[in-house]
Protein backbone atom coordinates (compact mmCIF):
# COMPACT_ATOMS: atom_id res chain seq x y z
CA MET A 1 -23.23 16.26 -71.53
CA SER A 2 -20.17 17.86 -70.27
CA LYS A 3 -16.64 16.61 -71.33
CA GLY A 4 -15.48 13.84 -68.90
CA THR A 5 -18.91 12.85 -67.88
CA SER A 6 -19.56 9.25 -68.68
CA PHE A 7 -22.82 8.53 -70.64
CA ASN A 8 -24.01 6.33 -67.60
CA ASP A 9 -23.47 9.11 -65.25
CA TYR A 10 -25.42 11.56 -67.64
CA LEU A 11 -28.38 9.00 -68.06
CA MET A 12 -28.46 8.55 -64.25
CA GLU A 13 -28.75 12.22 -63.68
CA LYS A 14 -31.34 12.71 -66.40
CA LEU A 15 -33.41 9.87 -65.06
CA LYS A 16 -34.15 11.95 -61.87
CA ASP A 17 -36.25 14.08 -64.05
CA PRO A 18 -39.73 13.00 -63.14
CA GLU A 19 -41.00 14.04 -66.56
CA LEU A 20 -38.44 11.95 -68.24
CA ALA A 21 -38.98 9.11 -65.87
CA CYS A 22 -42.66 9.36 -66.43
CA HIS A 23 -42.24 8.83 -70.26
CA PHE A 24 -39.74 6.03 -69.69
CA ILE A 25 -42.29 4.17 -67.50
CA SER A 26 -45.26 4.99 -69.61
CA GLU A 27 -43.47 3.73 -72.76
CA ALA A 28 -42.80 0.44 -71.07
CA ILE A 29 -46.47 -0.02 -69.84
CA GLU A 30 -47.76 1.14 -73.31
CA GLN A 31 -45.74 -1.64 -74.93
CA ASN A 32 -47.21 -4.11 -72.48
CA ASP A 33 -43.61 -5.50 -71.67
CA SER A 34 -43.19 -6.30 -67.96
CA ASP A 35 -39.31 -6.95 -68.64
CA TYR A 36 -39.09 -3.65 -70.08
CA LEU A 37 -41.03 -2.01 -67.19
CA LYS A 38 -38.75 -3.72 -64.57
CA VAL A 39 -35.63 -2.32 -66.38
CA ALA A 40 -37.17 1.15 -66.76
CA LEU A 41 -38.31 1.11 -63.06
CA GLY A 42 -34.88 -0.44 -61.99
CA ASP A 43 -32.80 2.27 -63.83
CA ILE A 44 -34.86 5.11 -62.35
CA VAL A 45 -34.47 3.68 -58.85
CA LYS A 46 -30.72 3.25 -59.38
CA ALA A 47 -30.70 6.83 -60.37
CA TYR A 48 -31.97 7.85 -57.12
CA GLY A 49 -30.27 5.31 -55.11
CA VAL A 50 -31.65 2.00 -53.88
CA GLY A 51 -31.06 3.18 -50.25
CA TYR A 52 -32.97 6.36 -50.87
CA ILE A 53 -36.00 4.46 -52.27
CA ALA A 54 -35.86 1.83 -49.55
CA GLU A 55 -35.96 4.57 -46.92
CA GLN A 56 -38.86 6.46 -48.63
CA THR A 57 -40.86 3.27 -49.04
CA GLY A 58 -40.17 1.10 -46.08
CA ILE A 59 -39.32 -1.62 -48.68
CA ASN A 60 -36.16 -3.61 -47.73
CA ARG A 61 -33.09 -2.85 -50.25
CA GLN A 62 -33.01 -6.83 -51.03
CA THR A 63 -36.77 -6.81 -51.78
CA ILE A 64 -36.43 -3.96 -54.24
CA TYR A 65 -33.32 -5.55 -56.09
CA LYS A 66 -35.38 -8.98 -56.15
CA MET A 67 -38.88 -7.46 -57.54
CA LEU A 68 -36.92 -5.45 -60.25
CA SER A 69 -34.74 -8.46 -61.12
CA GLU A 70 -35.36 -10.50 -64.23
CA ASN A 71 -37.72 -12.93 -62.22
CA GLY A 72 -39.10 -10.27 -60.09
CA ASN A 73 -42.82 -9.67 -59.85
CA PRO A 74 -43.48 -6.42 -57.98
CA THR A 75 -46.85 -6.28 -56.11
CA HIS A 76 -49.21 -3.34 -56.92
CA LYS A 77 -48.62 -1.98 -53.40
CA ASN A 78 -44.84 -1.93 -53.79
CA LEU A 79 -45.14 -0.50 -57.32
CA VAL A 80 -47.37 2.23 -56.09
CA ALA A 81 -44.97 2.85 -53.36
CA ILE A 82 -41.82 3.22 -55.34
CA LEU A 83 -43.59 5.50 -57.95
CA ASP A 84 -44.63 7.82 -55.01
CA ALA A 85 -41.05 7.80 -53.80
CA LEU A 86 -40.10 8.82 -57.28
CA GLY A 87 -42.78 11.66 -57.21
CA LEU A 88 -44.89 9.79 -59.91
CA GLU A 89 -48.36 8.21 -59.65
CA LEU A 90 -50.24 5.42 -61.24
CA THR A 91 -53.20 6.67 -63.37
CA VAL A 92 -55.76 4.91 -65.64
CA ARG A 93 -57.25 6.69 -68.66
CA PRO A 94 -59.49 5.51 -71.44
CA LYS A 95 -57.78 3.83 -74.50
CA LYS A 96 -57.02 6.02 -77.53
CA THR A 97 -59.21 4.92 -80.38
CA ILE A 98 -58.83 5.44 -84.06
CA ALA A 99 -61.58 7.48 -85.55
CA SER A 100 -63.68 5.46 -88.07
């Protein structure tokens, strides 16, 4: 982080990295914490800019803010659209099992 750069500015720039964004969102999903997922997704959306995400997804800005708010509940369709705009995709894989 360069001198004079605030941590928030640094973080917002780093969250534009699809690899880091992927890990951030994946961790929230693995923790099975919908509030954490909304925060993670919201931070990444803010990093890209809500206007940009609204333009890319066709979802109204206010709708994006509402669905990522504390009481929000994004639909699967909107979640997939936002992930697509971020260069990410939703996948399903078998659970990791502990060898017996």
